[in-house]
Amino acid sequence: MPDQKFPNLWNSIFFWFVVFGVALFKVATSSTKTRSALALTLIAAVFSAAAFTESVVEYFKLGDTSLQYGVAGLMALTGEHIMRLIVGFAQEPKKALALWREWKGGTDAK
């Protein structure tokens, strides 16, 4: 396992406070109300923040600033949503194809 470049981030109570706060917000505003779906939403949001925050902070060269906590929150929100879209597209490939065609500019796009 590679060394963590931001050990202070992982050890920070603020990091986990932001991540779980955003994840709980995501659960509270979720359109799905089954317990298993809500639990998966929470897990996916926490995983996204924990897995991708360091990479995004490093990519944008944010260094050791308080912006890391904002990035963690954004990763929790967007990461879970991207995972949900990918799973939805895997279940309904025509929806993914329609979105791709719309993005490329019409129904004739390949």
N, C-alpha and C. Protein backbone atom coordinates (compact mmCIF):
# COMPACT_ATOMS: atom_id res chain seq x y z
N MET A 1 0.84 -1.18 0.00
CA MET A 1 0.00 0.00 0.00
C MET A 1 0.89 1.24 0.00
N PRO A 2 0.60 2.19 -0.89
CA PRO A 2 1.44 3.39 -0.95
C PRO A 2 1.29 4.24 0.31
N ASP A 3 2.35 5.00 0.59
CA ASP A 3 2.30 5.90 1.74
C ASP A 3 1.29 7.00 1.49
N GLN A 4 0.59 7.37 2.56
CA GLN A 4 -0.34 8.48 2.45
C GLN A 4 0.45 9.78 2.43
N LYS A 5 0.11 10.65 1.52
CA LYS A 5 0.83 11.92 1.41
C LYS A 5 0.27 12.96 2.37
N PHE A 6 -0.94 12.76 2.84
CA PHE A 6 -1.57 13.71 3.73
C PHE A 6 -2.03 13.01 5.01
N PRO A 7 -1.09 12.51 5.81
CA PRO A 7 -1.51 11.79 7.02
C PRO A 7 -2.28 12.68 7.98
N ASN A 8 -2.01 13.99 7.96
CA ASN A 8 -2.75 14.89 8.84
C ASN A 8 -4.22 14.95 8.44
N LEU A 9 -4.49 14.81 7.17
CA LEU A 9 -5.86 14.83 6.69
C LEU A 9 -6.64 13.64 7.23
N TRP A 10 -6.06 12.45 7.11
CA TRP A 10 -6.74 11.25 7.58
C TRP A 10 -6.91 11.24 9.10
N ASN A 11 -5.99 11.85 9.81
CA ASN A 11 -6.05 11.87 11.27
C ASN A 11 -6.87 13.03 11.81
N SER A 12 -7.37 13.87 10.94
CA SER A 12 -8.09 15.06 11.36
C SER A 12 -9.55 14.75 11.66
N ILE A 13 -10.00 15.19 12.80
CA ILE A 13 -11.42 15.04 13.15
C ILE A 13 -12.29 15.87 12.22
N PHE A 14 -11.75 16.99 11.71
CA PHE A 14 -12.51 17.84 10.79
C PHE A 14 -12.80 17.11 9.48
N PHE A 15 -11.80 16.36 8.99
CA PHE A 15 -11.99 15.58 7.76
C PHE A 15 -13.17 14.63 7.92
N TRP A 16 -13.17 13.84 8.98
CA TRP A 16 -14.22 12.86 9.20
C TRP A 16 -15.55 13.52 9.54
N PHE A 17 -15.52 14.66 10.22
CA PHE A 17 -16.73 15.41 10.51
C PHE A 17 -17.39 15.87 9.20
N VAL A 18 -16.60 16.42 8.30
CA VAL A 18 -17.13 16.87 7.01
C VAL A 18 -17.64 15.69 6.19
N VAL A 19 -16.87 14.62 6.13
CA VAL A 19 -17.25 13.46 5.33
C VAL A 19 -18.55 12.86 5.83
N PHE A 20 -18.65 12.62 7.13
CA PHE A 20 -19.87 12.02 7.66
C PHE A 20 -21.04 13.01 7.63
N GLY A 21 -20.75 14.29 7.80
CA GLY A 21 -21.82 15.28 7.70
C GLY A 21 -22.42 15.32 6.31
N VAL A 22 -21.58 15.34 5.30
CA VAL A 22 -22.06 15.34 3.92
C VAL A 22 -22.74 14.02 3.59
N ALA A 23 -22.18 12.91 4.07
CA ALA A 23 -22.79 11.61 3.80
C ALA A 23 -24.18 11.51 4.44
N LEU A 24 -24.33 12.03 5.64
CA LEU A 24 -25.65 12.02 6.29
C LEU A 24 -26.63 12.93 5.55
N PHE A 25 -26.14 14.07 5.05
CA PHE A 25 -26.98 14.94 4.23
C PHE A 25 -27.43 14.19 2.98
N LYS A 26 -26.52 13.47 2.37
CA LYS A 26 -26.83 12.69 1.17
C LYS A 26 -27.90 11.64 1.46
N VAL A 27 -27.78 10.98 2.61
CA VAL A 27 -28.77 9.98 3.01
C VAL A 27 -30.12 10.64 3.26
N ALA A 28 -30.11 11.78 3.95
CA ALA A 28 -31.36 12.46 4.28
C ALA A 28 -32.10 12.97 3.06
N THR A 29 -31.39 13.33 2.01
CA THR A 29 -32.02 13.87 0.81
C THR A 29 -32.17 12.84 -0.30
N SER A 30 -31.84 11.60 -0.02
CA SER A 30 -31.93 10.55 -1.02
C SER A 30 -33.39 10.26 -1.36
N SER A 31 -33.65 10.00 -2.64
CA SER A 31 -35.01 9.66 -3.06
C SER A 31 -35.38 8.23 -2.70
N THR A 32 -34.39 7.39 -2.48
CA THR A 32 -34.61 6.01 -2.08
C THR A 32 -34.71 5.95 -0.56
N LYS A 33 -35.72 5.26 -0.07
CA LYS A 33 -35.94 5.26 1.37
C LYS A 33 -35.79 3.88 2.02
N THR A 34 -35.34 2.88 1.28
CA THR A 34 -35.14 1.58 1.93
C THR A 34 -33.86 1.63 2.76
N ARG A 35 -33.83 0.85 3.81
CA ARG A 35 -32.66 0.87 4.70
C ARG A 35 -31.39 0.44 3.99
N SER A 36 -31.48 -0.58 3.17
CA SER A 36 -30.28 -1.06 2.48
C SER A 36 -29.75 -0.01 1.50
N ALA A 37 -30.64 0.66 0.79
CA ALA A 37 -30.21 1.69 -0.16
C ALA A 37 -29.61 2.88 0.58
N LEU A 38 -30.19 3.26 1.70
CA LEU A 38 -29.64 4.36 2.48
C LEU A 38 -28.27 4.01 3.06
N ALA A 39 -28.12 2.77 3.50
CA ALA A 39 -26.82 2.32 4.02
C ALA A 39 -25.77 2.33 2.92
N LEU A 40 -26.14 1.88 1.72
CA LEU A 40 -25.21 1.90 0.60
C LEU A 40 -24.85 3.32 0.18
N THR A 41 -25.81 4.24 0.27
CA THR A 41 -25.53 5.64 -0.03
C THR A 41 -24.50 6.19 0.94
N LEU A 42 -24.67 5.91 2.21
CA LEU A 42 -23.74 6.35 3.24
C LEU A 42 -22.35 5.76 3.01
N ILE A 43 -22.28 4.47 2.76
CA ILE A 43 -21.01 3.79 2.55
C ILE A 43 -20.31 4.33 1.30
N ALA A 44 -21.06 4.51 0.21
CA ALA A 44 -20.46 5.01 -1.04
C ALA A 44 -19.93 6.42 -0.87
N ALA A 45 -20.65 7.26 -0.15
CA ALA A 45 -20.20 8.64 0.06
C ALA A 45 -18.93 8.68 0.89
N VAL A 46 -18.89 7.91 1.97
CA VAL A 46 -17.69 7.88 2.82
C VAL A 46 -16.52 7.29 2.04
N PHE A 47 -16.75 6.21 1.30
CA PHE A 47 -15.69 5.60 0.50
C PHE A 47 -15.14 6.58 -0.53
N SER A 48 -16.01 7.28 -1.22
CA SER A 48 -15.57 8.23 -2.26
C SER A 48 -14.66 9.30 -1.66
N ALA A 49 -15.06 9.85 -0.54
CA ALA A 49 -14.25 10.89 0.09
C ALA A 49 -12.92 10.32 0.57
N ALA A 50 -12.95 9.17 1.20
CA ALA A 50 -11.72 8.57 1.72
C ALA A 50 -10.78 8.15 0.60
N ALA A 51 -11.33 7.67 -0.49
CA ALA A 51 -10.50 7.15 -1.58
C ALA A 51 -9.95 8.22 -2.50
N PHE A 52 -10.70 9.30 -2.74
CA PHE A 52 -10.33 10.22 -3.80
C PHE A 52 -9.89 11.61 -3.35
N THR A 53 -10.06 11.95 -2.09
CA THR A 53 -9.70 13.30 -1.64
C THR A 53 -8.23 13.59 -1.84
N GLU A 54 -7.36 12.68 -1.43
CA GLU A 54 -5.92 12.91 -1.56
C GLU A 54 -5.51 13.11 -3.01
N SER A 55 -6.07 12.31 -3.90
CA SER A 55 -5.71 12.43 -5.32
C SER A 55 -6.13 13.77 -5.91
N VAL A 56 -7.32 14.23 -5.56
CA VAL A 56 -7.80 15.51 -6.08
C VAL A 56 -6.98 16.66 -5.50
N VAL A 57 -6.69 16.59 -4.20
CA VAL A 57 -5.88 17.64 -3.56
C VAL A 57 -4.50 17.69 -4.20
N GLU A 58 -3.92 16.55 -4.47
CA GLU A 58 -2.60 16.52 -5.10
C GLU A 58 -2.66 17.01 -6.54
N TYR A 59 -3.69 16.61 -7.28
CA TYR A 59 -3.82 17.01 -8.68
C TYR A 59 -3.92 18.53 -8.81
N PHE A 60 -4.72 19.16 -7.96
CA PHE A 60 -4.90 20.60 -8.02
C PHE A 60 -3.88 21.37 -7.17
N LYS A 61 -2.92 20.64 -6.60
CA LYS A 61 -1.83 21.24 -5.82
C LYS A 61 -2.35 22.20 -4.75
N LEU A 62 -3.31 21.69 -3.95
CA LEU A 62 -3.89 22.50 -2.89
C LEU A 62 -3.04 22.49 -1.62
N GLY A 63 -2.12 21.53 -1.53
CA GLY A 63 -1.21 21.48 -0.40
C GLY A 63 -1.92 21.24 0.92
N ASP A 64 -1.35 21.78 1.97
CA ASP A 64 -1.85 21.54 3.31
C ASP A 64 -2.74 22.70 3.76
N THR A 65 -3.87 22.89 3.07
CA THR A 65 -4.76 24.01 3.39
C THR A 65 -6.11 23.49 3.87
N SER A 66 -6.92 24.40 4.33
CA SER A 66 -8.26 24.01 4.79
C SER A 66 -9.17 23.63 3.63
N LEU A 67 -8.75 23.89 2.39
CA LEU A 67 -9.55 23.49 1.23
C LEU A 67 -9.69 21.98 1.13
N GLN A 68 -8.80 21.26 1.75
CA GLN A 68 -8.88 19.80 1.72
C GLN A 68 -10.21 19.30 2.27
N TYR A 69 -10.75 19.99 3.28
CA TYR A 69 -12.01 19.56 3.87
C TYR A 69 -13.17 19.80 2.91
N GLY A 70 -13.10 20.89 2.18
CA GLY A 70 -14.11 21.14 1.15
C GLY A 70 -14.05 20.11 0.04
N VAL A 71 -12.83 19.76 -0.34
CA VAL A 71 -12.65 18.72 -1.36
C VAL A 71 -13.21 17.40 -0.87
N ALA A 72 -13.00 17.07 0.40
CA ALA A 72 -13.54 15.83 0.97
C ALA A 72 -15.06 15.83 0.88
N GLY A 73 -15.68 16.97 1.20
CA GLY A 73 -17.13 17.06 1.10
C GLY A 73 -17.62 16.90 -0.33
N LEU A 74 -16.93 17.54 -1.27
CA LEU A 74 -17.31 17.40 -2.68
C LEU A 74 -17.12 15.98 -3.18
N MET A 75 -16.07 15.33 -2.73
CA MET A 75 -15.85 13.94 -3.14
C MET A 75 -16.95 13.04 -2.61
N ALA A 76 -17.41 13.29 -1.38
CA ALA A 76 -18.50 12.49 -0.82
C ALA A 76 -19.78 12.69 -1.63
N LEU A 77 -20.08 13.93 -1.98
CA LEU A 77 -21.31 14.22 -2.73
C LEU A 77 -21.25 13.69 -4.16
N THR A 78 -20.19 14.05 -4.87
CA THR A 78 -20.13 13.69 -6.29
C THR A 78 -19.74 12.24 -6.51
N GLY A 79 -18.87 11.71 -5.67
CA GLY A 79 -18.44 10.32 -5.85
C GLY A 79 -19.59 9.34 -5.74
N GLU A 80 -20.44 9.55 -4.74
CA GLU A 80 -21.60 8.67 -4.56
C GLU A 80 -22.53 8.79 -5.76
N HIS A 81 -22.72 10.00 -6.23
CA HIS A 81 -23.64 10.21 -7.36
C HIS A 81 -23.08 9.57 -8.64
N ILE A 82 -21.79 9.70 -8.87
CA ILE A 82 -21.17 9.07 -10.05
C ILE A 82 -21.30 7.56 -9.97
N MET A 83 -21.08 7.00 -8.78
CA MET A 83 -21.26 5.55 -8.62
C MET A 83 -22.69 5.13 -8.93
N ARG A 84 -23.65 5.92 -8.47
CA ARG A 84 -25.07 5.62 -8.73
C ARG A 84 -25.36 5.66 -10.23
N LEU A 85 -24.80 6.66 -10.95
CA LEU A 85 -24.99 6.75 -12.39
C LEU A 85 -24.39 5.55 -13.11
N ILE A 86 -23.20 5.15 -12.72
CA ILE A 86 -22.54 4.01 -13.38
C ILE A 86 -23.35 2.74 -13.19
N VAL A 87 -23.84 2.52 -11.98
CA VAL A 87 -24.66 1.33 -11.73
C VAL A 87 -25.95 1.40 -12.54
N GLY A 88 -26.56 2.58 -12.60
CA GLY A 88 -27.78 2.75 -13.40
C GLY A 88 -27.53 2.51 -14.87
N PHE A 89 -26.40 2.98 -15.38
CA PHE A 89 -26.07 2.76 -16.78
C PHE A 89 -25.78 1.29 -17.06
N ALA A 90 -25.21 0.59 -16.10
CA ALA A 90 -24.95 -0.84 -16.28
C ALA A 90 -26.27 -1.62 -16.33
N GLN A 91 -27.26 -1.15 -15.58
CA GLN A 91 -28.56 -1.82 -15.58
C GLN A 91 -29.39 -1.45 -16.81
N GLU A 92 -29.21 -0.23 -17.32
CA GLU A 92 -29.96 0.23 -18.49
C GLU A 92 -29.00 0.89 -19.49
N PRO A 93 -28.32 0.08 -20.31
CA PRO A 93 -27.33 0.63 -21.25
C PRO A 93 -27.92 1.62 -22.25
N LYS A 94 -29.20 1.50 -22.58
CA LYS A 94 -29.81 2.44 -23.54
C LYS A 94 -29.84 3.85 -22.97
N LYS A 95 -29.99 3.96 -21.65
CA LYS A 95 -29.98 5.28 -21.02
C LYS A 95 -28.60 5.92 -21.15
N ALA A 96 -27.55 5.12 -20.99
CA ALA A 96 -26.19 5.64 -21.15
C ALA A 96 -25.95 6.06 -22.59
N LEU A 97 -26.42 5.27 -23.54
CA LEU A 97 -26.25 5.60 -24.95
C LEU A 97 -27.01 6.88 -25.31
N ALA A 98 -28.21 7.04 -24.77
CA ALA A 98 -28.99 8.25 -25.03
C ALA A 98 -28.29 9.48 -24.46
N LEU A 99 -27.74 9.35 -23.27
CA LEU A 99 -27.01 10.46 -22.67
C LEU A 99 -25.77 10.81 -23.49
N TRP A 100 -25.07 9.78 -23.95
CA TRP A 100 -23.89 10.00 -24.78
C TRP A 100 -24.27 10.73 -26.07
N ARG A 101 -25.32 10.30 -26.71
CA ARG A 101 -25.75 10.94 -27.97
C ARG A 101 -26.18 12.38 -27.72
N GLU A 102 -26.88 12.62 -26.62
CA GLU A 102 -27.29 13.99 -26.29
C GLU A 102 -26.07 14.87 -26.04
N TRP A 103 -25.09 14.33 -25.35
CA TRP A 103 -23.88 15.09 -25.04
C TRP A 103 -23.10 15.40 -26.31
N LYS A 104 -23.09 14.45 -27.24
CA LYS A 104 -22.35 14.65 -28.49
C LYS A 104 -23.11 15.52 -29.49
N GLY A 105 -24.39 15.81 -29.22
CA GLY A 105 -25.09 16.76 -30.06
C GLY A 105 -26.15 16.19 -30.97
N GLY A 106 -26.88 15.24 -30.53
CA GLY A 106 -28.02 14.77 -31.34
C GLY A 106 -28.08 13.27 -31.42
N THR A 107 -29.14 12.77 -32.08
CA THR A 107 -29.35 11.34 -32.16
C THR A 107 -28.49 10.67 -33.21
N ASP A 108 -27.90 11.45 -34.12
CA ASP A 108 -27.05 10.87 -35.17
C ASP A 108 -25.60 10.68 -34.72
N ALA A 109 -25.27 11.15 -33.52
CA ALA A 109 -23.88 11.04 -33.05
C ALA A 109 -23.52 9.60 -32.79
N LYS A 110 -22.25 9.27 -33.04
CA LYS A 110 -21.81 7.88 -32.84
C LYS A 110 -20.78 7.83 -31.75
